[in-house]
Amino acid sequence: MLVTSLDQAEESAWLAALRATIPAEELVPANGVTDPARFDVAIVANPRPEQLAPFAALRFVQSLWAGVEKIVSNAALPLDVPLARLIDPTMSQTMAEAVAAHVLALHRNHPHYRRAQNARRWDEAAMVPAHARAVAFLGTGELARASLALLAHLGFERLAWSRAPRPIDGVRTFAGHEGLRAMLAQTDILVNLLPLTPATRGIVDGRLLSALKPGAALVNVARGGHVVDADLLAALDAGQLGEAVLDVFHDEPLPPDHPFWAHPRIQVFPHVAGPTDMVSAAAVAAANIRAFREGRPIIGLVDRGRGY
């Protein structure tokens, strides 16, 4: 039995996609359930605690999002209930495309030329070959690895940092506090693809930004909670950070009066780097639910202690 807990505006489309992939299962919207004890599996997007609280019989929860920070902190979900985040090759590809597009635009000085155009100024910027540009990643998960693989074809020097050592072929990897500082000092473009956990919240702060190579650029396509907004603005205004491409924010939609909108060295994108594809996500969810029913390994199981 399955219960979905999804955004009302998208619920019908999601239910259709899910029913096409797991027709043998009964799928019922959470707000239409009259007997919660019948349901042992939940497919969720970003449920509020009160939406999960009635379902005491849950034995497995599948997220339709790659980020699960809000579900992990949901007190209504017991720690012994397995939770799987979405690991979708389609999302990995779209995220890699977005990262490559942002990196290439920064590499080829597009923000500079946009400002020059706005000022009607003919101003050619110095060209740097891709092999001399170090693109570094915070995070070494599936999304980061897909992005690193795509960037390999473009010739960039690739670096990546994680909490514990995680080797990646062809990538210079770093780990721990000292490793992070060593990587940042060499970084021209920093891409954040970390999961949001208590340990990573606010990680992009004044201290991290001051450790970057002066004039480096930031691409944040993970979560807004990773960034201390005031510190980012201060680093840009001081020239320590040259450019920022931001796809995610503390509050979404980004409030109209937020200073990010008007800053000349910030590009704002409306959380579009790695959108969830309903068809592919439904297929991933269905495969995991079948695996759960049959006692086979589940893809993307979350370590509730680590938060991802």
Protein backbone atom coordinates (compact mmCIF):
# COMPACT_ATOMS: atom_id res chain seq x y z
CA MET A 1 0.00 0.00 0.00
CA LEU A 2 1.32 3.46 -0.83
CA VAL A 3 0.46 6.92 0.29
CA THR A 4 1.77 9.98 -1.52
CA SER A 5 2.39 13.26 0.22
CA LEU A 6 2.99 15.78 -2.53
CA ASP A 7 2.43 19.38 -3.48
CA GLN A 8 -1.27 19.72 -4.27
CA ALA A 9 -0.67 21.53 -7.55
CA GLU A 10 1.41 18.62 -8.90
CA GLU A 11 -0.25 15.71 -7.12
CA SER A 12 -2.44 14.52 -10.00
CA ALA A 13 0.47 14.44 -12.44
CA TRP A 14 2.66 12.59 -9.95
CA LEU A 15 -0.05 10.04 -9.21
CA ALA A 16 -0.47 9.35 -12.93
CA ALA A 17 3.28 8.87 -13.40
CA LEU A 18 3.55 6.61 -10.36
CA ARG A 19 0.50 4.52 -11.24
CA ALA A 20 1.97 3.87 -14.69
CA THR A 21 5.12 2.37 -13.13
CA ILE A 22 3.63 0.41 -10.20
CA PRO A 23 0.08 -0.51 -11.25
CA ALA A 24 -0.10 -3.35 -8.73
CA GLU A 25 0.09 -0.92 -5.81
CA GLU A 26 -2.75 1.18 -4.43
CA LEU A 27 -1.78 4.84 -4.49
CA VAL A 28 -3.82 7.22 -2.37
CA PRO A 29 -3.17 10.92 -1.68
CA ALA A 30 -2.35 11.54 1.96
CA ASN A 31 -5.27 13.88 2.40
CA GLY A 32 -7.65 11.21 1.10
CA VAL A 33 -6.69 8.50 3.58
CA THR A 34 -9.31 7.45 6.13
CA ASP A 35 -7.50 4.38 7.50
CA PRO A 36 -3.77 5.23 7.92
CA ALA A 37 -2.99 1.84 9.45
CA ARG A 38 -3.44 0.19 6.03
CA PHE A 39 -0.40 1.93 4.55
CA ASP A 40 3.14 0.71 5.02
CA VAL A 41 4.96 2.68 2.29
CA ALA A 42 4.97 6.42 1.63
CA ILE A 43 6.19 8.22 -1.47
CA VAL A 44 6.85 11.79 -0.38
CA ALA A 45 8.14 15.09 -1.67
CA ASN A 46 8.46 17.41 1.28
CA PRO A 47 5.87 16.34 3.86
CA ARG A 48 5.02 18.35 6.94
CA PRO A 49 5.19 16.47 10.26
CA GLU A 50 1.42 16.39 10.59
CA GLN A 51 1.14 14.67 7.21
CA LEU A 52 3.27 11.71 8.29
CA ALA A 53 2.17 11.52 11.92
CA PRO A 54 -0.99 9.41 11.32
CA PHE A 55 0.93 6.69 9.46
CA ALA A 56 2.32 4.66 12.33
CA ALA A 57 2.53 1.49 10.20
CA LEU A 58 5.10 2.84 7.73
CA ARG A 59 7.97 0.46 6.98
CA PHE A 60 9.58 2.34 4.06
CA VAL A 61 9.63 5.93 2.76
CA GLN A 62 10.78 6.92 -0.72
CA SER A 63 11.58 10.57 -1.38
CA LEU A 64 10.99 12.16 -4.76
CA TRP A 65 13.71 14.71 -4.02
CA ALA A 66 17.47 14.28 -3.99
CA GLY A 67 17.72 16.48 -0.89
CA VAL A 68 16.10 14.95 2.19
CA GLU A 69 17.08 17.40 4.92
CA LYS A 70 13.48 18.26 5.80
CA ILE A 71 12.37 14.63 5.92
CA VAL A 72 15.35 13.61 8.05
CA SER A 73 14.41 16.26 10.59
CA ASN A 74 10.73 15.29 10.52
CA ALA A 75 9.97 14.08 14.05
CA ALA A 76 6.95 12.11 12.81
CA LEU A 77 9.20 9.63 10.97
CA PRO A 78 10.71 7.09 13.42
CA LEU A 79 14.45 6.52 13.10
CA ASP A 80 13.97 2.80 12.37
CA VAL A 81 11.91 3.44 9.22
CA PRO A 82 14.17 3.17 6.13
CA LEU A 83 14.25 6.34 4.03
CA ALA A 84 15.57 6.48 0.45
CA ARG A 85 16.50 9.68 -1.35
CA LEU A 86 16.04 10.00 -5.09
CA ILE A 87 19.04 8.94 -7.14
CA ASP A 88 17.92 9.52 -10.70
CA PRO A 89 20.30 9.38 -13.70
CA THR A 90 18.10 11.91 -15.52
CA MET A 91 18.48 14.41 -12.68
CA SER A 92 22.23 13.77 -12.59
CA GLN A 93 22.45 14.58 -16.31
CA THR A 94 20.40 17.77 -16.07
CA MET A 95 22.41 18.92 -13.06
CA ALA A 96 25.66 18.22 -14.91
CA GLU A 97 24.39 20.27 -17.86
CA ALA A 98 23.55 23.20 -15.59
CA VAL A 99 26.92 23.07 -13.82
CA ALA A 100 28.78 22.88 -17.14
CA ALA A 101 26.78 25.82 -18.51
CA HIS A 102 27.55 27.98 -15.47
CA VAL A 103 31.21 26.99 -15.40
CA LEU A 104 31.65 27.70 -19.11
CA ALA A 105 29.89 31.05 -18.81
CA LEU A 106 32.20 32.06 -15.97
CA HIS A 107 35.25 30.67 -17.75
CA ARG A 108 34.45 32.65 -20.91
CA ASN A 109 33.75 35.86 -18.91
CA HIS A 110 30.04 36.13 -19.75
CA PRO A 111 29.20 38.16 -16.60
CA HIS A 112 31.93 40.65 -17.55
CA TYR A 113 30.56 41.01 -21.07
CA ARG A 114 27.00 41.42 -19.78
CA ARG A 115 28.12 44.31 -17.58
CA ALA A 116 30.08 45.78 -20.49
CA GLN A 117 27.04 45.56 -22.75
CA ASN A 118 24.85 47.24 -20.16
CA ALA A 119 27.42 50.07 -20.03
CA ARG A 120 27.80 50.07 -23.86
CA ARG A 121 31.50 49.46 -23.37
CA TRP A 122 33.68 47.46 -25.81
CA ASP A 123 35.92 45.66 -23.30
CA GLU A 124 37.74 42.47 -24.19
CA ALA A 125 38.66 40.29 -21.19
CA ALA A 126 41.81 38.18 -21.02
CA MET A 127 41.36 34.59 -22.18
CA VAL A 128 42.51 31.68 -19.99
CA PRO A 129 42.74 28.11 -21.38
CA ALA A 130 40.47 25.56 -19.71
CA HIS A 131 43.38 23.43 -18.48
CA ALA A 132 44.60 26.43 -16.48
CA ARG A 133 41.23 26.91 -14.76
CA ALA A 134 40.67 24.89 -11.57
CA VAL A 135 37.03 23.94 -10.97
CA ALA A 136 36.52 22.59 -7.46
CA PHE A 137 33.50 20.85 -5.96
CA LEU A 138 32.17 20.79 -2.44
CA GLY A 139 30.72 17.28 -2.40
CA THR A 140 31.50 14.02 -4.17
CA GLY A 141 28.04 12.45 -4.44
CA GLU A 142 26.18 11.30 -7.54
CA LEU A 143 25.36 14.80 -8.77
CA ALA A 144 28.90 16.04 -8.27
CA ARG A 145 30.39 13.01 -9.99
CA ALA A 146 28.13 13.43 -13.02
CA SER A 147 29.16 17.09 -13.25
CA LEU A 148 32.85 16.26 -12.86
CA ALA A 149 32.58 13.66 -15.63
CA LEU A 150 31.04 16.16 -18.04
CA LEU A 151 33.63 18.81 -17.23
CA ALA A 152 36.39 16.31 -18.00
CA HIS A 153 35.52 16.58 -21.70
CA LEU A 154 36.09 20.34 -21.55
CA GLY A 155 39.64 20.10 -20.25
CA PHE A 156 39.30 21.83 -16.86
CA GLU A 157 41.46 20.90 -13.92
CA ARG A 158 39.01 19.19 -11.56
CA LEU A 159 39.15 19.08 -7.76
CA ALA A 160 36.67 17.79 -5.19
CA TRP A 161 36.30 17.83 -1.42
CA SER A 162 34.38 15.57 0.95
CA ARG A 163 34.33 15.02 4.69
CA ALA A 164 36.10 11.66 4.36
CA PRO A 165 38.43 10.58 1.52
CA ARG A 166 36.57 9.50 -1.63
CA PRO A 167 38.88 8.94 -4.62
CA ILE A 168 37.56 9.76 -8.11
CA ASP A 169 39.47 8.81 -11.26
CA GLY A 170 41.12 11.82 -12.85
CA VAL A 171 40.06 14.20 -10.06
CA ARG A 172 42.28 15.63 -7.35
CA THR A 173 40.38 14.87 -4.16
CA PHE A 174 40.68 16.43 -0.72
CA ALA A 175 39.19 15.58 2.66
CA GLY A 176 38.82 17.06 6.12
CA HIS A 177 39.40 20.59 7.37
CA GLU A 178 42.98 20.94 6.15
CA GLY A 179 42.10 19.40 2.81
CA LEU A 180 39.33 21.94 2.32
CA ARG A 181 41.65 24.88 2.89
CA ALA A 182 44.26 23.39 0.56
CA MET A 183 41.69 22.96 -2.19
CA LEU A 184 40.15 26.41 -1.80
CA ALA A 185 43.52 28.13 -2.18
CA GLN A 186 43.80 26.64 -5.69
CA THR A 187 40.21 27.19 -6.79
CA ASP A 188 39.08 29.43 -9.65
CA ILE A 189 35.45 28.28 -9.72
CA LEU A 190 33.84 26.64 -6.67
CA VAL A 191 30.71 24.51 -7.20
CA ASN A 192 28.65 23.55 -4.17
CA LEU A 193 26.83 20.22 -4.40
CA LEU A 194 26.88 19.17 -0.75
CA PRO A 195 23.85 17.73 1.02
CA LEU A 196 22.37 20.09 3.58
CA THR A 197 22.96 18.76 7.08
CA PRO A 198 23.61 20.38 10.46
CA ALA A 199 27.34 19.99 9.72
CA THR A 200 27.15 21.73 6.32
CA ARG A 201 24.59 24.45 7.04
CA GLY A 202 26.33 27.81 6.64
CA ILE A 203 29.54 26.22 5.36
CA VAL A 204 29.94 28.91 2.68
CA ASP A 205 30.73 31.67 5.14
CA GLY A 206 33.29 34.42 5.45
CA ARG A 207 36.01 32.03 6.57
CA LEU A 208 35.55 29.71 3.60
CA LEU A 209 35.28 32.55 1.11
CA SER A 210 38.43 34.20 2.47
CA ALA A 211 40.32 30.95 1.86
CA LEU A 212 39.50 30.99 -1.85
CA LYS A 213 41.93 32.24 -4.45
CA PRO A 214 41.17 36.00 -4.72
CA GLY A 215 38.65 36.73 -7.45
CA ALA A 216 37.30 33.16 -7.60
CA ALA A 217 33.68 32.48 -8.54
CA LEU A 218 30.98 30.53 -6.68
CA VAL A 219 28.25 28.35 -8.19
CA ASN A 220 25.67 27.20 -5.64
CA VAL A 221 23.26 24.58 -6.97
CA ALA A 222 22.77 22.64 -3.72
CA ARG A 223 20.77 24.45 -1.01
CA GLY A 224 20.45 28.06 0.05
CA GLY A 225 21.12 27.05 3.64
CA HIS A 226 24.75 26.35 2.78
CA VAL A 227 25.44 30.05 2.26
CA VAL A 228 25.68 32.87 4.79
CA ASP A 229 24.14 35.60 2.64
CA ALA A 230 25.77 38.56 4.42
CA ASP A 231 29.20 36.96 4.16
CA LEU A 232 28.73 36.30 0.45
CA LEU A 233 27.78 39.92 -0.20
CA ALA A 234 30.72 41.15 1.84
CA ALA A 235 33.15 38.92 -0.09
CA LEU A 236 31.80 40.18 -3.42
CA ASP A 237 31.94 43.82 -2.37
CA ALA A 238 35.52 43.40 -1.13
CA GLY A 239 36.61 41.74 -4.37
CA GLN A 240 37.64 38.50 -2.64
CA LEU A 241 34.88 36.75 -4.59
CA GLY A 242 34.60 37.75 -8.23
CA GLU A 243 31.23 36.32 -9.25
CA ALA A 244 28.38 34.27 -7.77
CA VAL A 245 25.85 32.12 -9.61
CA LEU A 246 23.01 31.20 -7.25
CA ASP A 247 20.25 28.71 -8.05
CA VAL A 248 19.02 28.10 -4.48
CA PHE A 249 18.15 30.36 -1.56
CA HIS A 250 17.11 30.41 2.09
CA ASP A 251 13.64 31.58 1.08
CA GLU A 252 12.14 30.53 -2.24
CA PRO A 253 10.92 32.31 -4.23
CA LEU A 254 13.64 34.83 -3.48
CA PRO A 255 11.93 37.89 -1.92
CA PRO A 256 11.72 40.88 -4.30
CA ASP A 257 13.62 43.11 -1.87
CA HIS A 258 16.55 40.72 -1.40
CA PRO A 259 19.90 42.37 -2.25
CA PHE A 260 20.92 39.43 -4.45
CA TRP A 261 18.56 40.62 -7.21
CA ALA A 262 20.34 43.91 -7.80
CA HIS A 263 23.95 42.95 -7.14
CA PRO A 264 26.01 43.38 -10.34
CA ARG A 265 28.13 40.30 -9.66
CA ILE A 266 25.34 37.87 -8.76
CA GLN A 267 23.29 35.86 -11.23
CA VAL A 268 19.98 34.60 -9.82
CA PHE A 269 18.32 31.43 -11.14
CA PRO A 270 14.96 30.17 -9.79
CA HIS A 271 16.02 26.71 -8.53
CA VAL A 272 16.17 25.18 -12.00
CA ALA A 273 19.58 23.46 -12.09
CA GLY A 274 18.35 19.91 -11.45
CA PRO A 275 14.57 19.69 -11.79
CA THR A 276 12.89 16.38 -11.01
CA ASP A 277 11.60 14.58 -14.10
CA MET A 278 8.33 12.88 -13.15
CA VAL A 279 8.67 9.95 -15.55
CA SER A 280 12.22 9.00 -14.59
CA ALA A 281 11.69 9.73 -10.88
CA ALA A 282 8.56 7.56 -10.84
CA ALA A 283 10.53 4.71 -12.41
CA VAL A 284 13.28 5.04 -9.77
CA ALA A 285 10.69 5.10 -6.97
CA ALA A 286 8.91 2.07 -8.42
CA ALA A 287 12.15 0.07 -8.64
CA ASN A 288 12.95 0.83 -5.01
CA ILE A 289 9.46 -0.12 -3.85
CA ARG A 290 9.66 -3.42 -5.69
CA ALA A 291 13.07 -4.02 -4.11
CA PHE A 292 11.61 -3.27 -0.68
CA ARG A 293 8.71 -5.66 -1.24
CA GLU A 294 11.06 -8.41 -2.43
CA GLY A 295 13.72 -7.90 0.24
CA ARG A 296 16.39 -6.73 -2.22
CA PRO A 297 18.86 -3.84 -1.69
CA ILE A 298 17.35 -0.36 -1.94
CA ILE A 299 19.14 2.40 -3.87
CA GLY A 300 19.80 5.65 -2.02
CA LEU A 301 19.16 4.58 1.56
CA VAL A 302 19.75 7.54 3.87
CA ASP A 303 22.05 7.35 6.87
CA ARG A 304 19.80 9.15 9.34
CA GLY A 305 22.79 9.96 11.54
CA ARG A 306 24.66 11.74 8.74
CA GLY A 307 21.52 13.26 7.28
CA TYR A 308 21.99 11.99 3.70
